[in-house]
Amino acid sequence: MVKTNIKEKDWLKNVQLILVYSIASIVVVFPIADKGHFAIGTMCTLILGVYLLYILINYLVKEPKVRYAIVTFFKAISMPFLVIYIVYSISLFFVNIDKEEIANGNDLEHFAFIPIDKGIYDSIKNTDEFLLSKMEENEKVYILNTTAAIFNIPINIYNKDYDMFNIGNFGKKGEKRIN
């Protein structure tokens, strides 16, 4: 019986290489975990999964005809899946280009070239008009919501304790200090 060193296996070198690329590309998913970033960030991980499945089939199935049939079946399934995945990623790219038009025409201060949904843009504009009208009347308005910063940033307002209205964001003495 001849012992083979696992480090000499070509498939292991391939797995290590794809794993490094998978780890590096998965970083794209964070901090913005949306469909587009997920589609791009998981591509290498999906390829690694298919490759590991291929290796497992070759290891477990010893009969050449059965192995060939299984590998052919998975190739027939994985190729269309890969094409669909690439087309989906490209379509997400074009959706973001459409959003870029809104970003380029965006007149919100500090939001230049940031794609914003039309509904959110309209909401920011309406809320900011209301806030500015109240400021002219010498009234102070606080938005007690986790999204307060979205409305306050374009009009250069910063309410230290209320713009990030989440438990734990209040520093020393927490919520007790605000009472």
N, C-alpha and C. Protein backbone atom coordinates (compact mmCIF):
# COMPACT_ATOMS: atom_id res chain seq x y z
N MET A 1 0.85 -1.18 0.00
CA MET A 1 0.00 0.00 0.00
C MET A 1 0.89 1.24 0.00
N VAL A 2 0.62 2.12 -0.97
CA VAL A 2 1.43 3.32 -1.11
C VAL A 2 0.68 4.49 -0.50
N LYS A 3 1.35 5.20 0.38
CA LYS A 3 0.74 6.38 0.98
C LYS A 3 0.96 7.56 0.04
N THR A 4 -0.11 8.32 -0.19
CA THR A 4 0.03 9.52 -1.01
C THR A 4 -0.13 10.73 -0.11
N ASN A 5 0.68 11.68 -0.36
CA ASN A 5 0.63 12.90 0.42
C ASN A 5 -0.49 13.78 -0.14
N ILE A 6 -1.43 14.16 0.73
CA ILE A 6 -2.58 14.95 0.27
C ILE A 6 -2.16 16.32 -0.25
N LYS A 7 -1.04 16.84 0.23
CA LYS A 7 -0.58 18.15 -0.22
C LYS A 7 -0.10 18.12 -1.67
N GLU A 8 0.15 16.94 -2.20
CA GLU A 8 0.59 16.82 -3.59
C GLU A 8 -0.58 16.73 -4.57
N LYS A 9 -1.79 16.65 -4.06
CA LYS A 9 -2.96 16.53 -4.92
C LYS A 9 -3.25 17.86 -5.62
N ASP A 10 -3.46 17.78 -6.93
CA ASP A 10 -3.76 18.99 -7.70
C ASP A 10 -5.10 19.60 -7.29
N TRP A 11 -6.08 18.75 -6.99
CA TRP A 11 -7.40 19.27 -6.65
C TRP A 11 -7.34 20.10 -5.37
N LEU A 12 -6.48 19.73 -4.44
CA LEU A 12 -6.37 20.49 -3.20
C LEU A 12 -5.79 21.88 -3.46
N LYS A 13 -4.82 21.95 -4.35
CA LYS A 13 -4.26 23.25 -4.72
C LYS A 13 -5.34 24.12 -5.37
N ASN A 14 -6.16 23.50 -6.22
CA ASN A 14 -7.26 24.24 -6.86
C ASN A 14 -8.28 24.73 -5.83
N VAL A 15 -8.63 23.88 -4.87
CA VAL A 15 -9.58 24.26 -3.83
C VAL A 15 -9.02 25.41 -3.00
N GLN A 16 -7.73 25.33 -2.66
CA GLN A 16 -7.12 26.41 -1.87
C GLN A 16 -7.15 27.72 -2.65
N LEU A 17 -6.85 27.67 -3.93
CA LEU A 17 -6.85 28.88 -4.74
C LEU A 17 -8.26 29.49 -4.85
N ILE A 18 -9.24 28.65 -5.15
CA ILE A 18 -10.62 29.14 -5.27
C ILE A 18 -11.12 29.64 -3.91
N LEU A 19 -10.72 28.98 -2.84
CA LEU A 19 -11.12 29.41 -1.49
C LEU A 19 -10.59 30.81 -1.17
N VAL A 20 -9.35 31.08 -1.55
CA VAL A 20 -8.78 32.41 -1.33
C VAL A 20 -9.59 33.45 -2.11
N TYR A 21 -9.91 33.16 -3.36
CA TYR A 21 -10.72 34.09 -4.15
C TYR A 21 -12.12 34.23 -3.57
N SER A 22 -12.69 33.14 -3.05
CA SER A 22 -14.02 33.20 -2.45
C SER A 22 -14.03 34.12 -1.24
N ILE A 23 -13.04 33.96 -0.39
CA ILE A 23 -12.96 34.81 0.81
C ILE A 23 -12.77 36.27 0.42
N ALA A 24 -11.91 36.49 -0.56
CA ALA A 24 -11.67 37.87 -1.00
C ALA A 24 -12.91 38.48 -1.65
N SER A 25 -13.65 37.71 -2.41
CA SER A 25 -14.81 38.28 -3.10
C SER A 25 -16.03 38.41 -2.20
N ILE A 26 -16.13 37.61 -1.15
CA ILE A 26 -17.29 37.70 -0.26
C ILE A 26 -17.27 39.01 0.52
N VAL A 27 -16.10 39.66 0.58
CA VAL A 27 -15.99 40.96 1.26
C VAL A 27 -16.87 41.99 0.58
N VAL A 28 -17.14 41.82 -0.70
CA VAL A 28 -17.96 42.76 -1.47
C VAL A 28 -19.39 42.82 -0.90
N VAL A 29 -19.84 41.74 -0.30
CA VAL A 29 -21.21 41.67 0.21
C VAL A 29 -21.43 42.66 1.35
N PHE A 30 -20.42 42.93 2.15
CA PHE A 30 -20.56 43.81 3.31
C PHE A 30 -19.89 45.13 3.05
N PRO A 31 -20.34 46.25 3.51
CA PRO A 31 -21.45 46.48 4.42
C PRO A 31 -22.80 46.63 3.72
N ILE A 32 -22.82 46.67 2.39
CA ILE A 32 -24.10 46.82 1.68
C ILE A 32 -24.52 45.45 1.18
N ALA A 33 -25.37 44.78 1.92
CA ALA A 33 -25.77 43.42 1.56
C ALA A 33 -27.07 43.46 0.76
N ASP A 34 -26.99 43.93 -0.48
CA ASP A 34 -28.16 43.92 -1.35
C ASP A 34 -27.98 42.85 -2.43
N LYS A 35 -28.95 42.74 -3.33
CA LYS A 35 -28.92 41.70 -4.35
C LYS A 35 -27.68 41.79 -5.23
N GLY A 36 -27.33 43.00 -5.65
CA GLY A 36 -26.19 43.18 -6.56
C GLY A 36 -24.87 42.77 -5.92
N HIS A 37 -24.63 43.24 -4.70
CA HIS A 37 -23.39 42.90 -4.02
C HIS A 37 -23.33 41.40 -3.70
N PHE A 38 -24.49 40.83 -3.34
CA PHE A 38 -24.53 39.39 -3.05
C PHE A 38 -24.23 38.57 -4.30
N ALA A 39 -24.80 38.97 -5.42
CA ALA A 39 -24.59 38.23 -6.68
C ALA A 39 -23.12 38.26 -7.07
N ILE A 40 -22.48 39.40 -6.93
CA ILE A 40 -21.06 39.50 -7.29
C ILE A 40 -20.18 38.80 -6.27
N GLY A 41 -20.49 38.97 -4.99
CA GLY A 41 -19.64 38.43 -3.94
C GLY A 41 -19.68 36.93 -3.77
N THR A 42 -20.73 36.28 -4.23
CA THR A 42 -20.84 34.83 -4.04
C THR A 42 -20.48 34.02 -5.27
N MET A 43 -20.07 34.67 -6.34
CA MET A 43 -19.75 33.95 -7.58
C MET A 43 -18.66 32.90 -7.35
N CYS A 44 -17.54 33.28 -6.75
CA CYS A 44 -16.44 32.33 -6.52
C CYS A 44 -16.84 31.23 -5.55
N THR A 45 -17.68 31.58 -4.57
CA THR A 45 -18.14 30.58 -3.61
C THR A 45 -19.00 29.53 -4.30
N LEU A 46 -19.85 29.95 -5.22
CA LEU A 46 -20.66 28.99 -5.98
C LEU A 46 -19.78 28.10 -6.85
N ILE A 47 -18.78 28.68 -7.47
CA ILE A 47 -17.86 27.88 -8.30
C ILE A 47 -17.13 26.88 -7.42
N LEU A 48 -16.71 27.29 -6.23
CA LEU A 48 -16.04 26.38 -5.30
C LEU A 48 -16.97 25.23 -4.91
N GLY A 49 -18.23 25.53 -4.65
CA GLY A 49 -19.19 24.49 -4.29
C GLY A 49 -19.36 23.47 -5.40
N VAL A 50 -19.47 23.94 -6.63
CA VAL A 50 -19.62 23.02 -7.77
C VAL A 50 -18.36 22.18 -7.95
N TYR A 51 -17.20 22.80 -7.77
CA TYR A 51 -15.94 22.07 -7.91
C TYR A 51 -15.79 21.01 -6.82
N LEU A 52 -16.16 21.34 -5.59
CA LEU A 52 -16.10 20.36 -4.51
C LEU A 52 -17.06 19.20 -4.75
N LEU A 53 -18.23 19.51 -5.31
CA LEU A 53 -19.19 18.46 -5.65
C LEU A 53 -18.61 17.54 -6.73
N TYR A 54 -17.94 18.12 -7.70
CA TYR A 54 -17.28 17.35 -8.76
C TYR A 54 -16.21 16.41 -8.17
N ILE A 55 -15.40 16.92 -7.26
CA ILE A 55 -14.36 16.12 -6.62
C ILE A 55 -14.98 14.99 -5.81
N LEU A 56 -16.05 15.30 -5.08
CA LEU A 56 -16.72 14.30 -4.26
C LEU A 56 -17.29 13.18 -5.12
N ILE A 57 -17.89 13.53 -6.25
CA ILE A 57 -18.44 12.51 -7.16
C ILE A 57 -17.31 11.62 -7.69
N ASN A 58 -16.21 12.24 -8.09
CA ASN A 58 -15.09 11.45 -8.60
C ASN A 58 -14.50 10.55 -7.52
N TYR A 59 -14.55 10.96 -6.28
CA TYR A 59 -14.00 10.17 -5.19
C TYR A 59 -14.93 9.02 -4.80
N LEU A 60 -16.23 9.28 -4.76
CA LEU A 60 -17.18 8.28 -4.28
C LEU A 60 -17.60 7.27 -5.34
N VAL A 61 -17.74 7.72 -6.57
CA VAL A 61 -18.22 6.84 -7.63
C VAL A 61 -17.02 6.26 -8.37
N LYS A 62 -16.90 4.94 -8.30
CA LYS A 62 -15.75 4.27 -8.92
C LYS A 62 -16.04 3.77 -10.33
N GLU A 63 -17.27 3.46 -10.63
CA GLU A 63 -17.65 2.95 -11.95
C GLU A 63 -17.53 4.08 -12.99
N PRO A 64 -16.68 3.93 -14.02
CA PRO A 64 -16.44 5.01 -14.98
C PRO A 64 -17.69 5.47 -15.73
N LYS A 65 -18.56 4.53 -16.12
CA LYS A 65 -19.76 4.92 -16.87
C LYS A 65 -20.74 5.71 -16.00
N VAL A 66 -20.88 5.28 -14.76
CA VAL A 66 -21.78 5.99 -13.83
C VAL A 66 -21.21 7.37 -13.51
N ARG A 67 -19.90 7.42 -13.27
CA ARG A 67 -19.24 8.69 -12.98
C ARG A 67 -19.41 9.65 -14.16
N TYR A 68 -19.21 9.16 -15.37
CA TYR A 68 -19.36 9.99 -16.56
C TYR A 68 -20.79 10.50 -16.69
N ALA A 69 -21.78 9.65 -16.41
CA ALA A 69 -23.19 10.06 -16.50
C ALA A 69 -23.50 11.14 -15.46
N ILE A 70 -23.01 10.97 -14.24
CA ILE A 70 -23.28 11.95 -13.18
C ILE A 70 -22.60 13.28 -13.49
N VAL A 71 -21.33 13.22 -13.90
CA VAL A 71 -20.59 14.44 -14.22
C VAL A 71 -21.24 15.17 -15.40
N THR A 72 -21.66 14.44 -16.40
CA THR A 72 -22.33 15.05 -17.55
C THR A 72 -23.64 15.70 -17.12
N PHE A 73 -24.38 15.03 -16.25
CA PHE A 73 -25.63 15.59 -15.74
C PHE A 73 -25.37 16.91 -15.01
N PHE A 74 -24.37 16.93 -14.13
CA PHE A 74 -24.08 18.16 -13.38
C PHE A 74 -23.54 19.27 -14.27
N LYS A 75 -22.79 18.90 -15.31
CA LYS A 75 -22.35 19.92 -16.26
C LYS A 75 -23.54 20.51 -16.99
N ALA A 76 -24.50 19.65 -17.36
CA ALA A 76 -25.69 20.11 -18.07
C ALA A 76 -26.54 21.03 -17.18
N ILE A 77 -26.51 20.80 -15.88
CA ILE A 77 -27.26 21.64 -14.96
C ILE A 77 -26.48 22.92 -14.62
N SER A 78 -25.18 22.78 -14.36
CA SER A 78 -24.41 23.93 -13.87
C SER A 78 -24.14 24.98 -14.95
N MET A 79 -23.97 24.59 -16.19
CA MET A 79 -23.70 25.57 -17.24
C MET A 79 -24.88 26.53 -17.45
N PRO A 80 -26.10 26.04 -17.62
CA PRO A 80 -27.22 26.99 -17.75
C PRO A 80 -27.39 27.84 -16.48
N PHE A 81 -27.18 27.22 -15.32
CA PHE A 81 -27.28 27.97 -14.07
C PHE A 81 -26.26 29.10 -14.04
N LEU A 82 -25.04 28.83 -14.47
CA LEU A 82 -23.99 29.85 -14.49
C LEU A 82 -24.35 30.97 -15.47
N VAL A 83 -24.89 30.61 -16.62
CA VAL A 83 -25.29 31.62 -17.61
C VAL A 83 -26.42 32.47 -17.05
N ILE A 84 -27.40 31.85 -16.42
CA ILE A 84 -28.52 32.59 -15.82
C ILE A 84 -28.00 33.51 -14.72
N TYR A 85 -27.08 33.04 -13.91
CA TYR A 85 -26.50 33.82 -12.82
C TYR A 85 -25.75 35.04 -13.37
N ILE A 86 -25.00 34.85 -14.45
CA ILE A 86 -24.27 35.96 -15.06
C ILE A 86 -25.24 36.97 -15.67
N VAL A 87 -26.28 36.49 -16.34
CA VAL A 87 -27.28 37.40 -16.92
C VAL A 87 -27.98 38.18 -15.81
N TYR A 88 -28.29 37.51 -14.71
CA TYR A 88 -28.93 38.17 -13.57
C TYR A 88 -28.02 39.26 -13.00
N SER A 89 -26.74 38.96 -12.84
CA SER A 89 -25.78 39.95 -12.33
C SER A 89 -25.69 41.15 -13.26
N ILE A 90 -25.67 40.90 -14.55
CA ILE A 90 -25.60 42.00 -15.52
C ILE A 90 -26.88 42.83 -15.48
N SER A 91 -28.03 42.17 -15.32
CA SER A 91 -29.29 42.93 -15.24
C SER A 91 -29.32 43.81 -14.00
N LEU A 92 -28.78 43.33 -12.87
CA LEU A 92 -28.69 44.16 -11.67
C LEU A 92 -27.78 45.36 -11.91
N PHE A 93 -26.73 45.15 -12.68
CA PHE A 93 -25.82 46.25 -13.02
C PHE A 93 -26.57 47.33 -13.79
N PHE A 94 -27.39 46.93 -14.78
CA PHE A 94 -28.13 47.90 -15.57
C PHE A 94 -29.23 48.59 -14.76
N VAL A 95 -29.81 47.88 -13.80
CA VAL A 95 -30.78 48.51 -12.91
C VAL A 95 -30.10 49.62 -12.11
N ASN A 96 -28.89 49.36 -11.64
CA ASN A 96 -28.15 50.39 -10.89
C ASN A 96 -27.75 51.54 -11.79
N ILE A 97 -27.50 51.29 -13.06
CA ILE A 97 -27.20 52.39 -13.99
C ILE A 97 -28.44 53.27 -14.15
N ASP A 98 -29.63 52.67 -14.20
CA ASP A 98 -30.85 53.46 -14.28
C ASP A 98 -31.00 54.33 -13.02
N LYS A 99 -30.65 53.78 -11.85
CA LYS A 99 -30.70 54.55 -10.62
C LYS A 99 -29.67 55.67 -10.64
N GLU A 100 -28.58 55.47 -11.37
CA GLU A 100 -27.53 56.48 -11.44
C GLU A 100 -28.05 57.76 -12.07
N GLU A 101 -29.04 57.65 -12.96
CA GLU A 101 -29.63 58.85 -13.54
C GLU A 101 -30.27 59.71 -12.46
N ILE A 102 -30.94 59.06 -11.52
CA ILE A 102 -31.53 59.79 -10.40
C ILE A 102 -30.41 60.42 -9.57
N ALA A 103 -29.31 59.70 -9.39
CA ALA A 103 -28.20 60.22 -8.59
C ALA A 103 -27.56 61.42 -9.26
N ASN A 104 -27.42 61.39 -10.56
CA ASN A 104 -26.79 62.52 -11.26
C ASN A 104 -27.68 63.75 -11.24
N GLY A 105 -28.99 63.56 -11.29
CA GLY A 105 -29.91 64.69 -11.25
C GLY A 105 -30.29 65.06 -9.82
N ASN A 106 -29.64 64.48 -8.86
CA ASN A 106 -29.94 64.64 -7.46
C ASN A 106 -29.45 66.00 -6.97
N ASP A 107 -30.36 66.81 -6.42
CA ASP A 107 -29.98 68.12 -5.92
C ASP A 107 -29.85 68.16 -4.40
N LEU A 108 -29.88 67.01 -3.77
CA LEU A 108 -29.72 66.94 -2.31
C LEU A 108 -28.26 67.12 -1.94
N GLU A 109 -28.01 68.02 -0.99
CA GLU A 109 -26.64 68.25 -0.57
C GLU A 109 -26.11 67.00 0.13
N HIS A 110 -24.87 66.66 -0.11
CA HIS A 110 -24.16 65.51 0.45
C HIS A 110 -24.64 64.17 -0.13
N PHE A 111 -25.52 64.18 -1.10
CA PHE A 111 -26.02 62.95 -1.71
C PHE A 111 -25.64 62.85 -3.18
N ALA A 112 -24.71 63.67 -3.63
CA ALA A 112 -24.33 63.67 -5.04
C ALA A 112 -23.80 62.30 -5.46
N PHE A 113 -24.27 61.81 -6.58
CA PHE A 113 -23.85 60.55 -7.19
C PHE A 113 -24.19 59.31 -6.35
N ILE A 114 -25.12 59.45 -5.43
CA ILE A 114 -25.61 58.30 -4.67
C ILE A 114 -26.97 57.93 -5.25
N PRO A 115 -27.12 56.71 -5.78
CA PRO A 115 -28.42 56.32 -6.33
C PRO A 115 -29.50 56.29 -5.25
N ILE A 116 -30.59 57.00 -5.50
CA ILE A 116 -31.69 57.07 -4.55
C ILE A 116 -32.98 56.74 -5.28
N ASP A 117 -33.78 55.91 -4.67
CA ASP A 117 -35.08 55.58 -5.22
C ASP A 117 -35.94 56.84 -5.27
N LYS A 118 -36.76 56.98 -6.31
CA LYS A 118 -37.57 58.18 -6.48
C LYS A 118 -38.49 58.42 -5.29
N GLY A 119 -39.06 57.37 -4.73
CA GLY A 119 -39.94 57.51 -3.57
C GLY A 119 -39.20 58.07 -2.35
N ILE A 120 -37.99 57.57 -2.13
CA ILE A 120 -37.19 58.06 -1.00
C ILE A 120 -36.78 59.51 -1.25
N TYR A 121 -36.40 59.81 -2.49
CA TYR A 121 -36.02 61.18 -2.85
C TYR A 121 -37.18 62.14 -2.56
N ASP A 122 -38.39 61.77 -3.00
CA ASP A 122 -39.56 62.62 -2.77
C ASP A 122 -39.85 62.78 -1.28
N SER A 123 -39.69 61.70 -0.53
CA SER A 123 -39.92 61.74 0.91
C SER A 123 -38.92 62.68 1.60
N ILE A 124 -37.66 62.61 1.19
CA ILE A 124 -36.63 63.49 1.76
C ILE A 124 -36.96 64.94 1.44
N LYS A 125 -37.31 65.22 0.18
CA LYS A 125 -37.62 66.60 -0.22
C LYS A 125 -38.81 67.15 0.57
N ASN A 126 -39.89 66.36 0.70
CA ASN A 126 -41.08 66.81 1.42
C ASN A 126 -40.79 67.04 2.91
N THR A 127 -40.08 66.10 3.52
CA THR A 127 -39.75 66.23 4.94
C THR A 127 -38.84 67.41 5.18
N ASP A 128 -37.87 67.61 4.31
CA ASP A 128 -36.95 68.74 4.48
C ASP A 128 -37.67 70.08 4.30
N GLU A 129 -38.62 70.15 3.38
CA GLU A 129 -39.41 71.38 3.24
C GLU A 129 -40.17 71.68 4.52
N PHE A 130 -40.75 70.63 5.12
CA PHE A 130 -41.47 70.80 6.38
C PHE A 130 -40.52 71.26 7.49
N LEU A 131 -39.35 70.61 7.60
CA LEU A 131 -38.38 70.98 8.64
C LEU A 131 -37.91 72.43 8.47
N LEU A 132 -37.63 72.83 7.24
CA LEU A 132 -37.17 74.20 6.98
C LEU A 132 -38.26 75.22 7.29
N SER A 133 -39.52 74.89 6.98
CA SER A 133 -40.62 75.81 7.30
C SER A 133 -40.78 75.96 8.81
N LYS A 134 -40.59 74.90 9.56
CA LYS A 134 -40.67 74.98 11.02
C LYS A 134 -39.49 75.76 11.60
N MET A 135 -38.31 75.64 10.96
CA MET A 135 -37.16 76.41 11.41
C MET A 135 -37.41 77.90 11.21
N GLU A 136 -38.08 78.28 10.13
CA GLU A 136 -38.41 79.68 9.88
C GLU A 136 -39.37 80.22 10.94
N GLU A 137 -40.21 79.33 11.48
CA GLU A 137 -41.16 79.71 12.53
C GLU A 137 -40.52 79.60 13.93
N ASN A 138 -39.20 79.37 13.97
CA ASN A 138 -38.44 79.21 15.22
C ASN A 138 -38.93 78.04 16.07
N GLU A 139 -39.37 76.98 15.42
CA GLU A 139 -39.76 75.76 16.12
C GLU A 139 -38.72 74.69 15.85
N LYS A 140 -38.43 73.91 16.88
CA LYS A 140 -37.47 72.83 16.75
C LYS A 140 -38.24 71.53 16.56
N VAL A 141 -37.92 70.79 15.51
CA VAL A 141 -38.58 69.52 15.22
C VAL A 141 -37.54 68.42 15.29
N TYR A 142 -37.85 67.38 16.04
CA TYR A 142 -36.98 66.21 16.13
C TYR A 142 -37.66 65.05 15.43
N ILE A 143 -36.92 64.33 14.64
CA ILE A 143 -37.41 63.11 14.02
C ILE A 143 -36.89 61.96 14.86
N LEU A 144 -37.80 61.28 15.52
CA LEU A 144 -37.42 60.18 16.41
C LEU A 144 -37.59 58.87 15.66
N ASN A 145 -36.61 58.59 14.84
CA ASN A 145 -36.66 57.40 14.00
C ASN A 145 -35.23 57.04 13.63
N THR A 146 -35.00 55.79 13.31
CA THR A 146 -33.66 55.36 12.92
C THR A 146 -33.22 55.95 11.59
N THR A 147 -34.18 56.46 10.81
CA THR A 147 -33.85 57.05 9.50
C THR A 147 -33.74 58.57 9.55
N ALA A 148 -33.69 59.15 10.72
CA ALA A 148 -33.68 60.61 10.86
C ALA A 148 -32.51 61.25 10.11
N ALA A 149 -31.37 60.60 10.10
CA ALA A 149 -30.19 61.19 9.44
C ALA A 149 -30.41 61.38 7.95
N ILE A 150 -31.19 60.52 7.33
CA ILE A 150 -31.47 60.64 5.89
C ILE A 150 -32.13 61.98 5.59
N PHE A 151 -32.99 62.43 6.49
CA PHE A 151 -33.71 63.69 6.27
C PHE A 151 -32.89 64.90 6.72
N ASN A 152 -32.07 64.73 7.73
CA ASN A 152 -31.34 65.86 8.31
C ASN A 152 -30.04 66.20 7.59
N ILE A 153 -29.40 65.22 7.01
CA ILE A 153 -28.11 65.47 6.34
C ILE A 153 -28.23 66.47 5.19
N PRO A 154 -29.23 66.35 4.31
CA PRO A 154 -29.29 67.30 3.18
C PRO A 154 -29.49 68.76 3.58
N ILE A 155 -30.05 69.01 4.78
CA ILE A 155 -30.26 70.39 5.20
C ILE A 155 -29.30 70.78 6.32
N ASN A 156 -28.24 69.99 6.48
CA ASN A 156 -27.15 70.28 7.41
C ASN A 156 -27.62 70.46 8.85
N ILE A 157 -28.49 69.58 9.29
CA ILE A 157 -28.93 69.57 10.68
C ILE A 157 -28.37 68.31 11.33
N TYR A 158 -27.88 68.48 12.56
CA TYR A 158 -27.39 67.33 13.31
C TYR A 158 -27.93 67.41 14.73
N ASN A 159 -28.76 66.46 15.08
CA ASN A 159 -29.30 66.35 16.43
C ASN A 159 -28.62 65.16 17.09
N LYS A 160 -27.60 65.44 17.85
CA LYS A 160 -26.68 64.43 18.36
C LYS A 160 -27.37 63.18 18.90
N ASP A 161 -28.31 63.33 19.75
CA ASP A 161 -28.89 62.17 20.43
C ASP A 161 -30.07 61.55 19.70
N TYR A 162 -30.53 62.19 18.64
CA TYR A 162 -31.75 61.70 18.00
C TYR A 162 -31.57 61.23 16.57
N ASP A 163 -30.48 61.59 15.92
CA ASP A 163 -30.30 61.20 14.53
C ASP A 163 -30.02 59.71 14.36
N MET A 164 -29.46 59.08 15.36
CA MET A 164 -29.29 57.63 15.31
C MET A 164 -30.04 57.05 16.50
N PHE A 165 -31.32 57.05 16.39
CA PHE A 165 -32.21 56.73 17.50
C PHE A 165 -32.30 55.22 17.71
N ASN A 166 -31.24 54.65 18.23
CA ASN A 166 -31.20 53.23 18.56
C ASN A 166 -30.68 53.08 19.97
N ILE A 167 -31.21 52.13 20.70
CA ILE A 167 -30.71 51.87 22.04
C ILE A 167 -29.24 51.49 21.93
N GLY A 168 -28.43 52.11 22.76
CA GLY A 168 -27.01 51.83 22.74
C GLY A 168 -26.21 52.89 22.01
N ASN A 169 -26.86 53.81 21.32
CA ASN A 169 -26.14 54.85 20.58
C ASN A 169 -26.03 56.16 21.36
N PHE A 170 -26.38 56.15 22.63
CA PHE A 170 -26.45 57.39 23.37
C PHE A 170 -25.24 57.64 24.26
N GLY A 171 -24.24 56.78 24.23
CA GLY A 171 -23.01 57.03 24.98
C GLY A 171 -23.18 56.85 26.47
N LYS A 172 -22.42 57.64 27.23
CA LYS A 172 -22.40 57.53 28.69
C LYS A 172 -23.80 57.75 29.27
N LYS A 173 -24.21 56.88 30.13
CA LYS A 173 -25.52 56.87 30.80
C LYS A 173 -26.67 56.57 29.86
N GLY A 174 -26.39 56.33 28.61
CA GLY A 174 -27.40 55.87 27.66
C GLY A 174 -28.65 56.73 27.60
N GLU A 175 -29.82 56.08 27.62
CA GLU A 175 -31.09 56.76 27.49
C GLU A 175 -31.40 57.64 28.70
N LYS A 176 -30.83 57.31 29.87
CA LYS A 176 -31.11 58.08 31.10
C LYS A 176 -30.62 59.52 30.97
N ARG A 177 -29.58 59.75 30.19
CA ARG A 177 -29.05 61.09 30.01
C ARG A 177 -29.99 61.98 29.23
N ILE A 178 -30.79 61.40 28.35
CA ILE A 178 -31.66 62.18 27.47
C ILE A 178 -32.93 62.65 28.19
N ASN A 179 -33.38 61.90 29.18
CA ASN A 179 -34.63 62.25 29.89
C ASN A 179 -34.56 63.62 30.36
